[in-house]
Protein backbone atom coordinates (compact mmCIF):
# COMPACT_ATOMS: atom_id res chain seq x y z
CA MET A 1 -14.87 11.01 -6.87
CA SER A 2 -14.57 8.21 -4.31
CA ASN A 3 -15.60 8.78 -0.72
CA GLU A 4 -13.82 5.65 0.46
CA VAL A 5 -11.14 3.33 -0.82
CA ARG A 6 -10.16 -0.15 0.24
CA ALA A 7 -6.43 -0.51 0.14
CA SER A 8 -3.67 -2.92 0.97
CA HIS A 9 -0.13 -1.86 1.72
CA ILE A 10 3.32 -3.13 2.48
CA LEU A 11 5.42 -1.20 4.99
CA VAL A 12 9.22 -1.42 4.97
CA GLN A 13 11.96 0.68 6.58
CA THR A 14 13.96 1.92 3.60
CA GLU A 15 13.34 3.35 0.16
CA ASP A 16 15.70 0.75 -1.32
CA GLU A 17 13.61 -2.09 0.15
CA ALA A 18 10.45 -0.48 -1.21
CA LYS A 19 11.93 -0.02 -4.70
CA LYS A 20 13.17 -3.63 -4.80
CA LEU A 21 9.76 -4.88 -3.71
CA TYR A 22 8.02 -2.65 -6.28
CA ASP A 23 10.19 -4.18 -9.01
CA GLU A 24 9.43 -7.72 -7.78
CA ILE A 25 5.67 -7.08 -7.71
CA SER A 26 5.81 -5.39 -11.12
CA ALA A 27 7.53 -8.54 -12.41
CA GLY A 28 4.70 -10.75 -11.12
CA LYS A 29 5.24 -11.38 -7.41
CA ASP A 30 1.92 -11.57 -5.55
CA PHE A 31 1.24 -8.39 -3.53
CA ALA A 32 -0.53 -10.17 -0.64
CA GLU A 33 2.20 -12.80 -0.44
CA ALA A 34 4.88 -10.09 -0.33
CA ALA A 35 2.96 -8.24 2.39
CA ALA A 36 2.74 -11.39 4.50
CA GLU A 37 6.48 -12.02 4.07
CA VAL A 38 7.98 -8.58 4.69
CA SER A 39 5.51 -5.92 5.84
CA LEU A 40 6.30 -4.31 9.20
CA CYS A 41 2.60 -3.52 9.69
CA PRO A 42 0.33 -6.01 11.48
CA SER A 43 -1.89 -5.89 8.37
CA GLY A 44 0.77 -7.97 6.62
CA SER A 45 -0.82 -11.11 8.05
CA ARG A 46 -3.97 -10.16 6.07
CA GLY A 47 -2.02 -9.61 2.85
CA GLY A 48 -1.68 -5.94 3.76
CA ASP A 49 -5.45 -5.30 3.73
CA LEU A 50 -6.41 -2.14 5.63
CA GLY A 51 -10.10 -2.32 4.79
CA TYR A 52 -12.11 0.73 3.73
CA PHE A 53 -11.15 4.23 4.83
CA GLY A 54 -12.21 7.75 4.01
CA ARG A 55 -10.31 10.98 3.71
CA GLY A 56 -8.74 12.19 6.93
CA MET A 57 -8.25 8.69 8.35
CA MET A 58 -4.67 8.10 7.17
CA VAL A 59 -1.57 10.28 7.18
CA LYS A 60 -1.64 12.73 4.27
CA PRO A 61 1.06 11.25 1.95
CA PHE A 62 -0.55 7.81 2.27
CA GLU A 63 -4.05 9.16 1.75
CA ASP A 64 -3.05 11.27 -1.25
CA ALA A 65 -1.46 8.26 -2.92
CA ALA A 66 -4.34 5.90 -2.12
CA PHE A 67 -7.04 8.24 -3.42
CA SER A 68 -5.09 8.95 -6.62
CA LEU A 69 -4.54 5.29 -7.58
CA GLU A 70 -6.63 3.29 -10.00
CA THR A 71 -7.99 0.03 -8.61
CA GLY A 72 -5.45 -2.79 -8.87
CA VAL A 73 -2.45 -0.54 -9.53
CA VAL A 74 0.51 -0.65 -7.13
CA SER A 75 1.94 2.72 -6.13
CA LYS A 76 5.57 3.65 -6.41
CA PRO A 77 7.14 3.90 -2.93
CA VAL A 78 5.44 6.46 -0.66
CA GLN A 79 7.22 7.83 2.41
CA THR A 80 5.45 8.60 5.69
CA GLN A 81 6.70 8.95 9.25
CA PHE A 82 6.18 5.18 9.61
CA GLY A 83 8.51 4.19 6.76
CA TRP A 84 8.05 3.39 3.08
CA HIS A 85 4.81 2.00 1.69
CA LEU A 86 3.66 0.29 -1.46
CA ILE A 87 -0.08 0.80 -1.75
CA MET A 88 -2.65 -1.02 -3.86
CA VAL A 89 -6.28 0.09 -3.97
CA THR A 90 -8.56 -2.94 -4.23
CA ASP A 91 -11.94 -1.18 -4.30
CA LYS A 92 -13.58 2.26 -4.28
CA ASN A 93 -16.96 3.45 -2.99
């Protein structure tokens, strides 16, 4: 089991936006490019990269999704109090 994951994410306001983006990325759109274009999080300028984090450092729905993903797989939309996220784990420790 991983103690830390490195993840990138894209934050949008609505589930519809997140679903549309998920479909675009699934069809080949670059995740980092999409993050830079539309993410509401300041991490968007870094392609959505949040760096490494351990359990207890992110809100629970986000953390649960991030720690359950395989490296390189984009999550389906995940809702938190901040909005809707697409999450991609890029590394695990």
